[in-house]
């Protein structure tokens, strides 16, 4: 049981770091700055301007798919840059691993293309 004591201490410290700011904010709000709601404080605004119209706007789900595909290729660029810099010093295993990585991303792009995700209509 003594072997797990550092783990328990670390867990309690992490829990304390998570709960302490919440408890302090609650105490601060209750004692120092009690809530005094009024019409001006409860008014809805956007960027300092009065809101006009309905806030519910529907977006096409295709926009999110474009964003996800962009993130995939952004991550690919982040992984390919260090590989390209150290290419001459790498072995066959590293080159094979990077080839498999790029192949998996190409397969994802081919799947998205075949499903019609990339059509803008």
Protein backbone atom coordinates (compact mmCIF):
# COMPACT_ATOMS: atom_id res chain seq x y z
CA UNK A 1 0.00 0.00 0.00
CA UNK A 2 2.89 2.37 0.71
CA UNK A 3 3.98 1.98 -2.90
CA UNK A 4 0.83 3.77 -4.04
CA UNK A 5 1.21 6.69 -1.59
CA UNK A 6 2.94 9.02 -4.12
CA UNK A 7 0.22 8.23 -6.64
CA UNK A 8 -2.48 9.05 -4.09
CA UNK A 9 -0.72 12.31 -3.18
CA UNK A 10 -0.45 13.25 -6.86
CA UNK A 11 -4.13 12.46 -7.39
CA UNK A 12 -5.16 14.57 -4.40
CA UNK A 13 -2.95 17.45 -5.56
CA UNK A 14 -4.49 17.31 -9.05
CA UNK A 15 -7.96 17.23 -7.53
CA UNK A 16 -7.07 20.20 -5.32
CA UNK A 17 -5.76 22.18 -8.29
CA UNK A 18 -9.04 21.54 -10.10
CA UNK A 19 -11.44 22.22 -7.21
CA UNK A 20 -9.66 25.08 -5.40
CA UNK A 21 -10.17 27.75 -8.13
CA UNK A 22 -13.83 26.78 -8.47
CA UNK A 23 -14.38 26.99 -4.73
CA UNK A 24 -12.53 30.31 -4.48
CA UNK A 25 -14.57 31.77 -7.34
CA UNK A 26 -17.80 30.63 -5.67
CA UNK A 27 -16.75 32.15 -2.34
CA UNK A 28 -15.64 35.37 -4.03
CA UNK A 29 -18.95 35.65 -5.87
CA UNK A 30 -20.96 34.98 -2.71
CA UNK A 31 -19.10 37.24 -0.28
CA UNK A 32 -17.38 39.98 -2.22
CA UNK A 33 -19.55 40.56 -5.26
CA UNK A 34 -23.11 39.37 -4.73
CA UNK A 35 -25.28 39.16 -7.81
CA UNK A 36 -27.46 42.20 -8.48
CA UNK A 37 -29.28 41.34 -11.71
CA UNK A 38 -31.14 44.03 -13.61
CA UNK A 39 -32.42 44.57 -17.15
CA UNK A 40 -29.15 46.00 -18.45
CA UNK A 41 -26.98 43.22 -17.02
CA UNK A 42 -29.30 40.52 -18.36
CA UNK A 43 -29.49 42.04 -21.85
CA UNK A 44 -28.17 39.91 -24.71
CA UNK A 45 -25.45 41.51 -26.79
CA UNK A 46 -22.88 40.42 -29.32
CA UNK A 47 -19.54 42.22 -29.50
CA UNK A 48 -21.00 45.18 -27.64
CA UNK A 49 -23.89 45.60 -30.07
CA UNK A 50 -27.53 44.84 -29.59
CA UNK A 51 -28.46 41.55 -31.21
CA UNK A 52 -30.94 41.58 -34.07
CA UNK A 53 -32.94 38.64 -35.30
CA UNK A 54 -32.83 35.03 -34.27
CA UNK A 55 -29.62 33.54 -32.86
CA UNK A 56 -30.33 30.09 -34.31
CA UNK A 57 -28.57 29.83 -37.65
CA UNK A 58 -28.27 26.49 -39.39
CA UNK A 59 -24.94 25.53 -40.91
CA UNK A 60 -24.38 22.79 -43.41
CA UNK A 61 -22.53 19.83 -41.94
CA UNK A 62 -20.26 19.89 -44.98
CA UNK A 63 -18.45 22.89 -43.56
CA UNK A 64 -17.38 20.81 -40.57
CA UNK A 65 -16.17 18.04 -42.86
CA UNK A 66 -14.04 20.55 -44.76
CA UNK A 67 -12.60 21.73 -41.46
CA UNK A 68 -11.78 18.18 -40.40
CA UNK A 69 -10.13 17.42 -43.73
CA UNK A 70 -8.12 20.64 -43.42
CA UNK A 71 -6.97 19.61 -39.95
CA UNK A 72 -5.93 16.19 -41.22
CA UNK A 73 -3.71 17.73 -43.89
CA UNK A 74 -2.45 20.35 -41.47
CA UNK A 75 -1.32 17.60 -39.10
CA UNK A 76 0.19 15.78 -42.06
CA UNK A 77 2.29 18.85 -42.87
CA UNK A 78 3.43 19.08 -39.24
CA UNK A 79 4.60 15.45 -39.35
CA UNK A 80 6.14 15.63 -42.81
CA UNK A 81 8.32 18.69 -42.19
CA UNK A 82 10.63 17.09 -39.59
CA UNK A 83 10.72 13.95 -41.69
CA UNK A 84 11.85 15.95 -44.74
CA UNK A 85 14.53 17.76 -42.72
CA UNK A 86 16.01 14.54 -41.33
CA UNK A 87 15.39 12.40 -44.43
CA UNK A 88 19.05 11.68 -45.26
CA UNK A 89 19.83 10.44 -41.74
CA UNK A 90 16.86 8.10 -41.41
CA UNK A 91 16.81 4.39 -41.95
CA UNK A 92 14.55 2.24 -44.07
CA UNK A 93 12.14 1.63 -41.17
CA UNK A 94 11.47 5.34 -40.66
CA UNK A 95 10.92 5.88 -44.38
CA UNK A 96 8.55 2.92 -44.47
CA UNK A 97 6.64 4.25 -41.45
CA UNK A 98 6.25 7.66 -43.09
CA UNK A 99 5.16 6.01 -46.34
CA UNK A 100 2.46 4.09 -44.44
CA UNK A 101 1.38 7.34 -42.72
CA UNK A 102 1.03 9.19 -46.03
CA UNK A 103 -0.72 6.17 -47.56
CA UNK A 104 -3.28 6.17 -44.74
CA UNK A 105 -3.95 9.88 -45.27
CA UNK A 106 -4.29 9.34 -49.02
CA UNK A 107 -6.75 6.55 -48.33
CA UNK A 108 -8.79 8.92 -46.15
CA UNK A 109 -8.79 11.51 -48.92
CA UNK A 110 -9.86 8.88 -51.47
CA UNK A 111 -12.68 7.79 -49.14
CA UNK A 112 -13.87 11.39 -48.71
CA UNK A 113 -13.72 11.93 -52.45
CA UNK A 114 -15.63 8.71 -53.19
CA UNK A 115 -18.33 9.60 -50.63
CA UNK A 116 -18.79 13.01 -52.25
CA UNK A 117 -17.64 14.97 -49.22
CA UNK A 118 -15.46 17.25 -51.32
CA UNK A 119 -18.23 18.48 -53.61
CA UNK A 120 -19.18 22.06 -52.90
CA UNK A 121 -22.87 22.19 -53.72
